[in-house]
Amino acid sequence: MIDRSKIEQLVRTTLRELGSPAPAALPNTPRGTPVDANGAVLLGPDRGANLATPFDGPATKAMVAATPARIAVGRVGTRYRTNTLLRFRADHAAAKDAVMSEVDPQLIAKLGFVELDSRAESKAHFLQRPDAGRALSDAARTTLTQRLPSGMQLVVVYGDGLSAAALNQHLGTFHQALGRELQARSIRAAEPALFVRHSRVKVMDEICRLLGAEACLFVCGERPGLGYSDSMSAYYMYRPASGVPTDADREVISNINPRGLAPAQAAVAVADACARILREKKSGVVLG
């Protein structure tokens, strides 16, 4: 993890390196273009090429290396550079694939999960109607109560969320590590774990209520960005006293991927968090 103070120092140093912006009289001139005292462009043998930008200082390079965000990419006139545009299109395509793809049924079967359906009848329905992904189908409710014991400390639920790619890549590693960590903390988790296809976070509320579990953990694929399309989030919640959970009752550990919080590391953090809410018998903003 990057130290916040280090990032702040990099930003300050980078701003000093960048100096003043291009003259206001030349809005379409690439930053770094050589000009004379009157603001006129100095032409030379490199005319027409991608002229150098001031984004080459050591602090700027360090900051670029520390984040996948699109910073210090430069420009050519009013346009992106070709490499920047191509990277954008590639990452956008990866994000769309992550959203539209499905979690591999063979992976779910291999891990021994009980697979349930939400009220979303298809991927398109799931994306167009978020509410359909927040509730179990009638058949899923029956299967849930028949297959899983009631009154357990914790029920573990997985869902595709908005990135099936994240689960296809990291679910096996995370789930195996999570099982070990929960056992080490003597947390009684309902078995087998659940997978709800075409589901969103709030489906955990209904599952927790139907099983009468003390706490529920819901792990799903995060909404892809233009950099990471394989990240997971883990939401956990203690049974609220009112019996009507809200977002204020939930907590989350996000950015679970090899470049952020590695899946095995995340399993440790999630198990610690579940142990805490079971010990405190509450979760969310009330713990503040």
C-alpha atoms as a PDB file:
ATOM      1  CA  MET A   1       0.000   0.000   0.000  1.00  0.00           C
ATOM      2  CA  ILE A   2       1.204   3.513  -0.852  1.00  0.00           C
ATOM      3  CA  ASP A   3       1.840   5.867   2.052  1.00  0.00           C
ATOM      4  CA  ARG A   4      -0.490   8.897   1.825  1.00  0.00           C
ATOM      5  CA  SER A   5       2.244  11.312   2.907  1.00  0.00           C
ATOM      6  CA  LYS A   6       4.490   9.967   0.146  1.00  0.00           C
ATOM      7  CA  ILE A   7       1.805  10.574  -2.476  1.00  0.00           C
ATOM      8  CA  GLU A   8       1.223  14.120  -1.201  1.00  0.00           C
ATOM      9  CA  GLN A   9       4.929  14.867  -1.422  1.00  0.00           C
ATOM     10  CA  LEU A  10       5.060  13.485  -4.966  1.00  0.00           C
ATOM     11  CA  VAL A  11       2.164  15.733  -5.980  1.00  0.00           C
ATOM     12  CA  ARG A  12       3.842  18.828  -4.531  1.00  0.00           C
ATOM     13  CA  THR A  13       7.140  18.050  -6.249  1.00  0.00           C
ATOM     14  CA  THR A  14       5.390  17.284  -9.541  1.00  0.00           C
ATOM     15  CA  LEU A  15       3.530  20.586  -9.518  1.00  0.00           C
ATOM     16  CA  ARG A  16       6.823  22.394  -9.040  1.00  0.00           C
ATOM     17  CA  GLU A  17       8.306  20.450 -11.956  1.00  0.00           C
ATOM     18  CA  LEU A  18       5.391  21.268 -14.260  1.00  0.00           C
ATOM     19  CA  GLY A  19       5.708  24.999 -13.658  1.00  0.00           C
ATOM     20  CA  SER A  20       3.390  27.451 -15.435  1.00  0.00           C
ATOM     21  CA  PRO A  21       0.787  26.251 -17.970  1.00  0.00           C
ATOM     22  CA  ALA A  22       1.052  27.034 -21.659  1.00  0.00           C
ATOM     23  CA  PRO A  23       0.328  30.699 -22.619  1.00  0.00           C
ATOM     24  CA  ALA A  24      -3.393  31.497 -22.748  1.00  0.00           C
ATOM     25  CA  ALA A  25      -2.939  32.831 -26.299  1.00  0.00           C
ATOM     26  CA  LEU A  26      -1.992  29.334 -27.486  1.00  0.00           C
ATOM     27  CA  PRO A  27      -4.814  27.065 -26.229  1.00  0.00           C
ATOM     28  CA  ASN A  28      -4.174  24.405 -28.882  1.00  0.00           C
ATOM     29  CA  THR A  29      -0.404  24.255 -28.472  1.00  0.00           C
ATOM     30  CA  PRO A  30       0.976  21.147 -26.732  1.00  0.00           C
ATOM     31  CA  ARG A  31       2.401  21.857 -23.318  1.00  0.00           C
ATOM     32  CA  GLY A  32       6.179  21.997 -23.529  1.00  0.00           C
ATOM     33  CA  THR A  33       6.200  23.511 -27.030  1.00  0.00           C
ATOM     34  CA  PRO A  34       9.090  26.018 -27.219  1.00  0.00           C
ATOM     35  CA  VAL A  35       7.918  29.646 -27.579  1.00  0.00           C
ATOM     36  CA  ASP A  36       9.682  32.990 -27.727  1.00  0.00           C
ATOM     37  CA  ALA A  37       9.171  35.965 -25.405  1.00  0.00           C
ATOM     38  CA  ASN A  38       6.030  36.993 -27.335  1.00  0.00           C
ATOM     39  CA  GLY A  39       4.435  33.559 -27.186  1.00  0.00           C
ATOM     40  CA  ALA A  40       5.193  32.643 -30.807  1.00  0.00           C
ATOM     41  CA  VAL A  41       5.984  29.004 -31.464  1.00  0.00           C
ATOM     42  CA  LEU A  42       9.642  28.337 -32.232  1.00  0.00           C
ATOM     43  CA  LEU A  43       9.741  25.981 -35.231  1.00  0.00           C
ATOM     44  CA  GLY A  44      12.549  23.492 -35.634  1.00  0.00           C
ATOM     45  CA  PRO A  45      13.441  20.103 -37.091  1.00  0.00           C
ATOM     46  CA  ASP A  46      10.933  18.323 -34.792  1.00  0.00           C
ATOM     47  CA  ARG A  47       7.923  20.266 -36.112  1.00  0.00           C
ATOM     48  CA  GLY A  48       4.927  17.958 -36.453  1.00  0.00           C
ATOM     49  CA  ALA A  49       6.269  15.331 -34.056  1.00  0.00           C
ATOM     50  CA  ASN A  50       5.031  14.584 -30.535  1.00  0.00           C
ATOM     51  CA  LEU A  51       6.951  17.449 -28.943  1.00  0.00           C
ATOM     52  CA  ALA A  52       8.408  16.907 -25.490  1.00  0.00           C
ATOM     53  CA  THR A  53       6.215  17.666 -22.520  1.00  0.00           C
ATOM     54  CA  PRO A  54       7.379  18.754 -19.066  1.00  0.00           C
ATOM     55  CA  PHE A  55       6.155  15.409 -17.655  1.00  0.00           C
ATOM     56  CA  ASP A  56       9.641  13.961 -17.384  1.00  0.00           C
ATOM     57  CA  GLY A  57      10.803  14.963 -13.906  1.00  0.00           C
ATOM     58  CA  PRO A  58      11.707  12.262 -11.369  1.00  0.00           C
ATOM     59  CA  ALA A  59       8.783  13.049  -9.061  1.00  0.00           C
ATOM     60  CA  THR A  60       6.304  12.871 -11.943  1.00  0.00           C
ATOM     61  CA  LYS A  61       7.704   9.522 -13.054  1.00  0.00           C
ATOM     62  CA  ALA A  62       7.458   8.202  -9.501  1.00  0.00           C
ATOM     63  CA  MET A  63       3.827   9.309  -9.223  1.00  0.00           C
ATOM     64  CA  VAL A  64       2.936   7.740 -12.588  1.00  0.00           C
ATOM     65  CA  ALA A  65       4.538   4.481 -11.427  1.00  0.00           C
ATOM     66  CA  ALA A  66       2.544   4.564  -8.176  1.00  0.00           C
ATOM     67  CA  THR A  67      -0.940   4.598  -9.726  1.00  0.00           C
ATOM     68  CA  PRO A  68      -2.846   3.127 -12.675  1.00  0.00           C
ATOM     69  CA  ALA A  69      -4.717   6.431 -13.028  1.00  0.00           C
ATOM     70  CA  ARG A  70      -4.327   8.331 -16.280  1.00  0.00           C
ATOM     71  CA  ILE A  71      -2.071  11.165 -15.205  1.00  0.00           C
ATOM     72  CA  ALA A  72       0.666  13.082 -17.053  1.00  0.00           C
ATOM     73  CA  VAL A  73      -0.284  11.539 -20.405  1.00  0.00           C
ATOM     74  CA  GLY A  74       0.448  14.723 -22.381  1.00  0.00           C
ATOM     75  CA  ARG A  75      -1.372  15.745 -25.531  1.00  0.00           C
ATOM     76  CA  VAL A  76      -0.867  16.665 -29.167  1.00  0.00           C
ATOM     77  CA  GLY A  77      -2.758  19.864 -29.854  1.00  0.00           C
ATOM     78  CA  THR A  78      -6.247  19.305 -28.453  1.00  0.00           C
ATOM     79  CA  ARG A  79      -6.075  15.525 -28.814  1.00  0.00           C
ATOM     80  CA  TYR A  80      -4.852  12.544 -26.862  1.00  0.00           C
ATOM     81  CA  ARG A  81      -1.665  10.912 -28.030  1.00  0.00           C
ATOM     82  CA  THR A  82      -2.208   7.783 -30.101  1.00  0.00           C
ATOM     83  CA  ASN A  83      -0.869   5.427 -27.413  1.00  0.00           C
ATOM     84  CA  THR A  84      -3.109   7.013 -24.768  1.00  0.00           C
ATOM     85  CA  LEU A  85      -6.192   6.622 -26.981  1.00  0.00           C
ATOM     86  CA  LEU A  86      -5.407   2.991 -27.790  1.00  0.00           C
ATOM     87  CA  ARG A  87      -4.887   2.152 -24.112  1.00  0.00           C
ATOM     88  CA  PHE A  88      -8.196   3.842 -23.282  1.00  0.00           C
ATOM     89  CA  ARG A  89     -10.045   1.778 -25.881  1.00  0.00           C
ATOM     90  CA  ALA A  90      -8.416  -1.456 -24.705  1.00  0.00           C
ATOM     91  CA  ASP A  91      -9.272  -0.816 -21.047  1.00  0.00           C
ATOM     92  CA  HIS A  92     -12.821   0.222 -21.967  1.00  0.00           C
ATOM     93  CA  ALA A  93     -13.259  -3.032 -23.900  1.00  0.00           C
ATOM     94  CA  ALA A  94     -11.951  -5.040 -20.932  1.00  0.00           C
ATOM     95  CA  ALA A  95     -14.400  -3.263 -18.625  1.00  0.00           C
ATOM     96  CA  LYS A  96     -17.334  -4.042 -20.935  1.00  0.00           C
ATOM     97  CA  ASP A  97     -16.284  -7.689 -21.159  1.00  0.00           C
ATOM     98  CA  ALA A  98     -16.082  -7.904 -17.350  1.00  0.00           C
ATOM     99  CA  VAL A  99     -19.618  -6.554 -16.985  1.00  0.00           C
ATOM    100  CA  MET A 100     -21.193  -8.635 -19.748  1.00  0.00           C
ATOM    101  CA  SER A 101     -19.481 -11.979 -19.108  1.00  0.00           C
ATOM    102  CA  GLU A 102     -20.726 -14.697 -16.745  1.00  0.00           C
ATOM    103  CA  VAL A 103     -19.075 -16.460 -13.820  1.00  0.00           C
ATOM    104  CA  ASP A 104     -17.870 -19.875 -14.969  1.00  0.00           C
ATOM    105  CA  PRO A 105     -20.391 -22.570 -13.875  1.00  0.00           C
ATOM    106  CA  GLN A 106     -17.568 -25.131 -13.673  1.00  0.00           C
ATOM    107  CA  LEU A 107     -15.773 -22.949 -11.119  1.00  0.00           C
ATOM    108  CA  ILE A 108     -18.896 -22.778  -8.955  1.00  0.00           C
ATOM    109  CA  ALA A 109     -19.338 -26.533  -9.177  1.00  0.00           C
ATOM    110  CA  LYS A 110     -15.664 -27.171  -8.390  1.00  0.00           C
ATOM    111  CA  LEU A 111     -15.862 -25.067  -5.224  1.00  0.00           C
ATOM    112  CA  GLY A 112     -19.033 -26.862  -4.156  1.00  0.00           C
ATOM    113  CA  PHE A 113     -21.219 -23.782  -3.799  1.00  0.00           C
ATOM    114  CA  VAL A 114     -25.004 -23.881  -3.757  1.00  0.00           C
ATOM    115  CA  GLU A 115     -26.041 -21.809  -6.778  1.00  0.00           C
ATOM    116  CA  LEU A 116     -29.123 -19.628  -6.492  1.00  0.00           C
ATOM    117  CA  ASP A 117     -30.807 -17.174  -8.843  1.00  0.00           C
ATOM    118  CA  SER A 118     -31.912 -13.639  -8.199  1.00  0.00           C
ATOM    119  CA  ARG A 119     -35.104 -12.243  -9.687  1.00  0.00           C
ATOM    120  CA  ALA A 120     -33.103 -11.041 -12.694  1.00  0.00           C
ATOM    121  CA  GLU A 121     -34.041 -13.320 -15.590  1.00  0.00           C
ATOM    122  CA  SER A 122     -30.995 -12.520 -17.726  1.00  0.00           C
ATOM    123  CA  LYS A 123     -27.819 -10.452 -17.779  1.00  0.00           C
ATOM    124  CA  ALA A 124     -29.630  -7.689 -19.660  1.00  0.00           C
ATOM    125  CA  HIS A 125     -32.458  -7.685 -17.098  1.00  0.00           C
ATOM    126  CA  PHE A 126     -29.905  -7.599 -14.289  1.00  0.00           C
ATOM    127  CA  LEU A 127     -28.170  -4.533 -15.749  1.00  0.00           C
ATOM    128  CA  GLN A 128     -31.381  -2.692 -16.582  1.00  0.00           C
ATOM    129  CA  ARG A 129     -33.195  -3.450 -13.303  1.00  0.00           C
ATOM    130  CA  PRO A 130     -30.859  -3.272 -10.285  1.00  0.00           C
ATOM    131  CA  ASP A 131     -33.775  -4.076  -7.965  1.00  0.00           C
ATOM    132  CA  ALA A 132     -34.168  -7.514  -9.580  1.00  0.00           C
ATOM    133  CA  GLY A 133     -30.639  -8.416  -8.489  1.00  0.00           C
ATOM    134  CA  ARG A 134     -31.345  -7.485  -4.873  1.00  0.00           C
ATOM    135  CA  ALA A 135     -33.895 -10.247  -4.233  1.00  0.00           C
ATOM    136  CA  LEU A 136     -33.934 -14.031  -4.539  1.00  0.00           C
ATOM    137  CA  SER A 137     -36.264 -15.853  -6.882  1.00  0.00           C
ATOM    138  CA  ASP A 138     -39.031 -17.904  -5.279  1.00  0.00           C
ATOM    139  CA  ALA A 139     -37.226 -21.142  -6.174  1.00  0.00           C
ATOM    140  CA  ALA A 140     -33.992 -19.825  -4.671  1.00  0.00           C
ATOM    141  CA  ARG A 141     -35.699 -19.054  -1.367  1.00  0.00           C
ATOM    142  CA  THR A 142     -36.927 -22.634  -1.125  1.00  0.00           C
ATOM    143  CA  THR A 143     -33.512 -24.053  -2.032  1.00  0.00           C
ATOM    144  CA  LEU A 144     -31.784 -21.788   0.469  1.00  0.00           C
ATOM    145  CA  THR A 145     -33.826 -22.905   3.465  1.00  0.00           C
ATOM    146  CA  GLN A 146     -33.598 -26.569   2.412  1.00  0.00           C
ATOM    147  CA  ARG A 147     -29.841 -26.691   1.818  1.00  0.00           C
ATOM    148  CA  LEU A 148     -28.380 -24.473   4.545  1.00  0.00           C
ATOM    149  CA  PRO A 149     -28.754 -24.677   8.325  1.00  0.00           C
ATOM    150  CA  SER A 150     -30.315 -21.793  10.198  1.00  0.00           C
ATOM    151  CA  GLY A 151     -28.921 -19.831  13.123  1.00  0.00           C
ATOM    152  CA  MET A 152     -25.248 -19.974  12.079  1.00  0.00           C
ATOM    153  CA  GLN A 153     -22.746 -17.307  13.079  1.00  0.00           C
ATOM    154  CA  LEU A 154     -21.892 -16.382   9.497  1.00  0.00           C
ATOM    155  CA  VAL A 155     -23.229 -17.125   6.035  1.00  0.00           C
ATOM    156  CA  VAL A 156     -20.828 -16.604   3.120  1.00  0.00           C
ATOM    157  CA  VAL A 157     -22.350 -15.474  -0.163  1.00  0.00           C
ATOM    158  CA  TYR A 158     -20.698 -14.761  -3.507  1.00  0.00           C
ATOM    159  CA  GLY A 159     -22.266 -12.862  -6.394  1.00  0.00           C
ATOM    160  CA  ASP A 160     -21.167 -11.803  -9.852  1.00  0.00           C
ATOM    161  CA  GLY A 161     -21.913  -8.122  -9.212  1.00  0.00           C
ATOM    162  CA  LEU A 162     -20.545  -6.006 -12.054  1.00  0.00           C
ATOM    163  CA  SER A 163     -17.419  -8.000 -12.858  1.00  0.00           C
ATOM    164  CA  ALA A 164     -17.672 -11.703 -13.519  1.00  0.00           C
ATOM    165  CA  ALA A 165     -14.023 -11.535 -14.577  1.00  0.00           C
ATOM    166  CA  ALA A 166     -13.006 -10.738 -10.997  1.00  0.00           C
ATOM    167  CA  LEU A 167     -14.618 -13.900  -9.637  1.00  0.00           C
ATOM    168  CA  ASN A 168     -13.376 -16.071 -12.479  1.00  0.00           C
ATOM    169  CA  GLN A 169      -9.810 -14.994 -11.718  1.00  0.00           C
ATOM    170  CA  HIS A 170      -9.676 -14.658  -7.925  1.00  0.00           C
ATOM    171  CA  LEU A 171     -12.605 -16.499  -6.338  1.00  0.00           C
ATOM    172  CA  GLY A 172     -10.809 -19.803  -5.839  1.00  0.00           C
ATOM    173  CA  THR A 173      -7.788 -18.261  -4.127  1.00  0.00           C
ATOM    174  CA  PHE A 174      -9.887 -15.988  -1.938  1.00  0.00           C
ATOM    175  CA  HIS A 175     -12.396 -18.635  -0.843  1.00  0.00           C
ATOM    176  CA  GLN A 176      -9.778 -21.198   0.105  1.00  0.00           C
ATOM    177  CA  ALA A 177      -7.854 -18.629   2.143  1.00  0.00           C
ATOM    178  CA  LEU A 178     -11.062 -17.356   3.753  1.00  0.00           C
ATOM    179  CA  GLY A 179     -12.012 -20.839   4.943  1.00  0.00           C
ATOM    180  CA  ARG A 180      -8.681 -21.231   6.723  1.00  0.00           C
ATOM    181  CA  GLU A 181      -8.888 -17.790   8.318  1.00  0.00           C
ATOM    182  CA  LEU A 182     -12.456 -18.228   9.568  1.00  0.00           C
ATOM    183  CA  GLN A 183     -11.570 -21.612  11.063  1.00  0.00           C
ATOM    184  CA  ALA A 184      -8.526 -20.100  12.798  1.00  0.00           C
ATOM    185  CA  ARG A 185     -10.858 -17.589  14.484  1.00  0.00           C
ATOM    186  CA  SER A 186     -13.401 -20.275  15.465  1.00  0.00           C
ATOM    187  CA  ILE A 187     -16.119 -18.632  13.359  1.00  0.00           C
ATOM    188  CA  ARG A 188     -18.897 -21.069  12.479  1.00  0.00           C
ATOM    189  CA  ALA A 189     -19.733 -20.417   8.836  1.00  0.00           C
ATOM    190  CA  ALA A 190     -22.691 -22.085   7.159  1.00  0.00           C
ATOM    191  CA  GLU A 191     -21.671 -24.723   4.639  1.00  0.00           C
ATOM    192  CA  PRO A 192     -21.688 -24.885   1.744  1.00  0.00           C
ATOM    193  CA  ALA A 193     -21.153 -21.291   0.692  1.00  0.00           C
ATOM    194  CA  LEU A 194     -23.643 -19.689  -1.683  1.00  0.00           C
ATOM    195  CA  PHE A 195     -23.339 -18.210  -5.149  1.00  0.00           C
ATOM    196  CA  VAL A 196     -26.177 -16.001  -6.370  1.00  0.00           C
ATOM    197  CA  ARG A 197     -26.093 -15.397 -10.110  1.00  0.00           C
ATOM    198  CA  HIS A 198     -27.017 -11.911 -11.351  1.00  0.00           C
ATOM    199  CA  SER A 199     -26.988 -10.516  -7.833  1.00  0.00           C
ATOM    200  CA  ARG A 200     -26.261  -7.210  -6.151  1.00  0.00           C
ATOM    201  CA  VAL A 201     -25.130  -6.378  -2.634  1.00  0.00           C
ATOM    202  CA  LYS A 202     -28.524  -6.069  -0.953  1.00  0.00           C
ATOM    203  CA  VAL A 203     -29.418  -9.676  -1.679  1.00  0.00           C
ATOM    204  CA  MET A 204     -27.390 -10.433   1.451  1.00  0.00           C
ATOM    205  CA  ASP A 205     -30.109  -8.785   3.568  1.00  0.00           C
ATOM    206  CA  GLU A 206     -32.741 -11.308   2.521  1.00  0.00           C
ATOM    207  CA  ILE A 207     -30.376 -14.258   2.883  1.00  0.00           C
ATOM    208  CA  CYS A 208     -29.331 -13.202   6.372  1.00  0.00           C
ATOM    209  CA  ARG A 209     -32.950 -12.836   7.401  1.00  0.00           C
ATOM    210  CA  LEU A 210     -34.167 -16.143   5.919  1.00  0.00           C
ATOM    211  CA  LEU A 211     -31.368 -18.120   7.599  1.00  0.00           C
ATOM    212  CA  GLY A 212     -31.444 -16.224  10.874  1.00  0.00           C
ATOM    213  CA  ALA A 213     -27.671 -15.840  10.713  1.00  0.00           C
ATOM    214  CA  GLU A 214     -25.815 -13.512  13.061  1.00  0.00           C
ATOM    215  CA  ALA A 215     -23.752 -12.050  10.251  1.00  0.00           C
ATOM    216  CA  CYS A 216     -23.488 -12.213   6.486  1.00  0.00           C
ATOM    217  CA  LEU A 217     -20.556 -11.769   4.109  1.00  0.00           C
ATOM    218  CA  PHE A 218     -21.177 -10.928   0.445  1.00  0.00           C
ATOM    219  CA  VAL A 219     -18.253 -10.907  -2.003  1.00  0.00           C
ATOM    220  CA  CYS A 220     -18.796  -9.690  -5.548  1.00  0.00           C
ATOM    221  CA  GLY A 221     -17.070  -8.231  -8.588  1.00  0.00           C
ATOM    222  CA  GLU A 222     -16.551  -4.464  -8.399  1.00  0.00           C
ATOM    223  CA  ARG A 223     -17.752  -2.073 -11.048  1.00  0.00           C
ATOM    224  CA  PRO A 224     -14.798  -2.005 -13.503  1.00  0.00           C
ATOM    225  CA  GLY A 225     -12.762   1.130 -13.987  1.00  0.00           C
ATOM    226  CA  LEU A 226     -10.448   2.067 -16.831  1.00  0.00           C
ATOM    227  CA  GLY A 227      -7.502   0.290 -15.300  1.00  0.00           C
ATOM    228  CA  TYR A 228      -8.804  -2.595 -13.200  1.00  0.00           C
ATOM    229  CA  SER A 229     -11.602  -4.844 -14.423  1.00  0.00           C
ATOM    230  CA  ASP A 230     -10.887  -7.787 -12.093  1.00  0.00           C
ATOM    231  CA  SER A 231     -11.372  -6.309  -8.628  1.00  0.00           C
ATOM    232  CA  MET A 232     -13.638  -7.723  -5.905  1.00  0.00           C
ATOM    233  CA  SER A 233     -15.331  -6.137  -2.903  1.00  0.00           C
ATOM    234  CA  ALA A 234     -16.325  -7.852   0.348  1.00  0.00           C
ATOM    235  CA  TYR A 235     -19.381  -6.490   2.201  1.00  0.00           C
ATOM    236  CA  TYR A 236     -20.142  -7.706   5.706  1.00  0.00           C
ATOM    237  CA  MET A 237     -22.962  -6.938   8.091  1.00  0.00           C
ATOM    238  CA  TYR A 238     -24.161  -7.904  11.549  1.00  0.00           C
ATOM    239  CA  ARG A 239     -27.862  -8.610  11.940  1.00  0.00           C
ATOM    240  CA  PRO A 240     -29.376  -5.212  12.808  1.00  0.00           C
ATOM    241  CA  ALA A 241     -31.706  -5.027  15.791  1.00  0.00           C
ATOM    242  CA  SER A 242     -34.538  -3.605  13.662  1.00  0.00           C
ATOM    243  CA  GLY A 243     -34.408  -6.535  11.247  1.00  0.00           C
ATOM    244  CA  VAL A 244     -34.438  -4.084   8.314  1.00  0.00           C
ATOM    245  CA  PRO A 245     -30.825  -3.626   7.158  1.00  0.00           C
ATOM    246  CA  THR A 246     -29.717  -0.412   5.482  1.00  0.00           C
ATOM    247  CA  ASP A 247     -26.471   0.624   3.815  1.00  0.00           C
ATOM    248  CA  ALA A 248     -25.461   2.221   7.119  1.00  0.00           C
ATOM    249  CA  ASP A 249     -25.332  -1.276   8.658  1.00  0.00           C
ATOM    250  CA  ARG A 250     -22.816  -2.526   6.085  1.00  0.00           C
ATOM    251  CA  GLU A 251     -19.036  -2.287   5.906  1.00  0.00           C
ATOM    252  CA  VAL A 252     -16.814  -3.064   2.942  1.00  0.00           C
ATOM    253  CA  ILE A 253     -13.249  -4.013   2.018  1.00  0.00           C
ATOM    254  CA  SER A 254     -12.665  -3.180  -1.641  1.00  0.00           C
ATOM    255  CA  ASN A 255      -9.933  -3.224  -4.286  1.00  0.00           C
ATOM    256  CA  ILE A 256      -9.303  -6.952  -3.848  1.00  0.00           C
ATOM    257  CA  ASN A 257      -6.989  -7.878  -6.711  1.00  0.00           C
ATOM    258  CA  PRO A 258      -3.279  -8.699  -7.112  1.00  0.00           C
ATOM    259  CA  ARG A 259      -2.365  -5.038  -7.678  1.00  0.00           C
ATOM    260  CA  GLY A 260      -4.382  -3.764  -4.733  1.00  0.00           C
ATOM    261  CA  LEU A 261      -5.180  -5.990  -1.749  1.00  0.00           C
ATOM    262  CA  ALA A 262      -4.163  -9.480  -2.841  1.00  0.00           C
ATOM    263  CA  PRO A 263      -6.954 -12.092  -2.463  1.00  0.00           C
ATOM    264  CA  ALA A 264      -5.119 -14.095   0.234  1.00  0.00           C
ATOM    265  CA  GLN A 265      -4.372 -10.903   2.197  1.00  0.00           C
ATOM    266  CA  ALA A 266      -7.956  -9.768   1.772  1.00  0.00           C
ATOM    267  CA  ALA A 267      -9.171 -13.049   3.292  1.00  0.00           C
ATOM    268  CA  VAL A 268      -7.224 -12.237   6.468  1.00  0.00           C
ATOM    269  CA  ALA A 269      -8.695  -8.721   6.635  1.00  0.00           C
ATOM    270  CA  VAL A 270     -12.226  -9.980   5.980  1.00  0.00           C
ATOM    271  CA  ALA A 271     -11.961 -12.725   8.624  1.00  0.00           C
ATOM    272  CA  ASP A 272     -10.690 -10.162  11.150  1.00  0.00           C
ATOM    273  CA  ALA A 273     -13.597  -7.859  10.301  1.00  0.00           C
ATOM    274  CA  CYS A 274     -16.148 -10.654  10.662  1.00  0.00           C
ATOM    275  CA  ALA A 275     -14.655 -11.633  14.026  1.00  0.00           C
ATOM    276  CA  ARG A 276     -14.944  -8.010  15.152  1.00  0.00           C
ATOM    277  CA  ILE A 277     -18.606  -7.523  14.231  1.00  0.00           C
ATOM    278  CA  LEU A 278     -19.511 -10.858  15.829  1.00  0.00           C
ATOM    279  CA  ARG A 279     -17.676  -9.834  18.991  1.00  0.00           C
ATOM    280  CA  GLU A 280     -19.207  -6.332  19.068  1.00  0.00           C
ATOM    281  CA  LYS A 281     -22.607  -7.591  17.856  1.00  0.00           C
ATOM    282  CA  LYS A 282     -22.966  -4.613  15.523  1.00  0.00           C
ATOM    283  CA  SER A 283     -21.579  -3.252  12.275  1.00  0.00           C
ATOM    284  CA  GLY A 284     -21.589  -0.093  10.220  1.00  0.00           C
ATOM    285  CA  VAL A 285     -21.795   3.509  11.373  1.00  0.00           C
ATOM    286  CA  VAL A 286     -22.789   2.551  14.931  1.00  0.00           C
ATOM    287  CA  LEU A 287     -19.208   1.381  15.465  1.00  0.00           C
ATOM    288  CA  GLY A 288     -17.899   4.897  14.803  1.00  0.00           C
END
